[in-house]
Amino acid sequence: MYIVAATHCEPDQNGDTIQPRQMRDDWWAIESYKEAEAFYSYLIEGPNLYSASICAVIKSTDYEGVE
């Protein structure tokens, strides 16, 4: 199980994209690394992306983790 996390930002009128109130965090649980990598690649090509990560689940009450 992998989590793909991303932060998107909306530029203000001056084009500044580093205002916390204009940022949105999202995450998606994805079964395989191959699918996570494909979705990550899709995200990084999109508009207004500030950051993105693929994370492995180590321990979770919701998902099977790695030991």
Protein backbone atom coordinates (compact mmCIF):
# COMPACT_ATOMS: atom_id res chain seq x y z
CA MET A 1 0.00 0.00 0.00
CA TYR A 2 1.24 3.45 -0.92
CA ILE A 3 0.00 6.94 -0.21
CA VAL A 4 0.40 9.64 -2.84
CA ALA A 5 0.26 13.06 -1.22
CA ALA A 6 0.11 16.40 -3.00
CA THR A 7 -0.17 20.08 -2.17
CA HIS A 8 -1.73 22.39 -4.73
CA CYS A 9 -1.71 26.17 -4.53
CA GLU A 10 -3.74 28.88 -6.19
CA PRO A 11 -1.77 32.00 -7.16
CA ASP A 12 -3.07 35.28 -5.79
CA GLN A 13 -3.42 38.39 -7.93
CA ASN A 14 0.32 39.09 -7.67
CA GLY A 15 1.21 35.55 -8.74
CA ASP A 16 2.48 34.65 -5.25
CA THR A 17 1.79 30.95 -4.59
CA ILE A 18 3.31 30.57 -1.12
CA GLN A 19 0.36 31.71 1.00
CA PRO A 20 -0.83 28.88 3.30
CA ARG A 21 -4.47 29.93 3.00
CA GLN A 22 -4.27 29.28 -0.74
CA MET A 23 -2.89 25.74 -0.41
CA ARG A 24 -4.82 22.47 -0.43
CA ASP A 25 -3.47 19.10 0.66
CA ASP A 26 -4.83 15.85 -0.78
CA TRP A 27 -3.85 12.20 -0.49
CA TRP A 28 -4.79 8.95 -2.19
CA ALA A 29 -4.30 5.35 -1.02
CA ILE A 30 -3.03 3.22 -3.92
CA GLU A 31 -2.42 -0.54 -3.88
CA SER A 32 0.73 -0.94 -5.95
CA TYR A 33 3.91 1.05 -6.43
CA LYS A 34 3.43 0.95 -10.22
CA GLU A 35 -0.02 2.56 -9.91
CA ALA A 36 1.27 5.09 -7.36
CA GLU A 37 4.13 6.07 -9.66
CA ALA A 38 1.77 6.50 -12.63
CA PHE A 39 -0.56 8.70 -10.57
CA TYR A 40 2.40 10.70 -9.23
CA SER A 41 3.59 11.29 -12.81
CA TYR A 42 0.11 12.49 -13.74
CA LEU A 43 0.05 14.89 -10.76
CA ILE A 44 3.43 16.48 -11.42
CA GLU A 45 2.35 17.42 -14.94
CA GLY A 46 -0.75 19.25 -13.64
CA PRO A 47 -1.20 22.94 -12.90
CA ASN A 48 -0.52 24.63 -9.56
CA LEU A 49 1.33 21.72 -7.97
CA TYR A 50 3.49 22.81 -5.03
CA SER A 51 4.74 19.39 -3.92
CA ALA A 52 4.02 15.69 -4.35
CA SER A 53 5.28 12.51 -2.70
CA ILE A 54 4.91 8.75 -2.84
CA CYS A 55 4.94 7.31 0.68
CA ALA A 56 4.99 3.71 1.87
CA VAL A 57 2.66 2.78 4.70
CA ILE A 58 4.79 1.61 7.62
CA LYS A 59 2.08 1.05 10.21
CA SER A 60 -1.60 1.88 10.03
CA THR A 61 -4.99 1.11 11.52
CA ASP A 62 -6.48 1.45 8.02
CA TYR A 63 -3.99 -0.09 5.60
CA GLU A 64 -1.57 -3.00 5.48
CA GLY A 65 1.92 -1.67 6.11
CA VAL A 66 5.42 -2.91 5.54
CA GLU A 67 7.56 -4.25 8.36
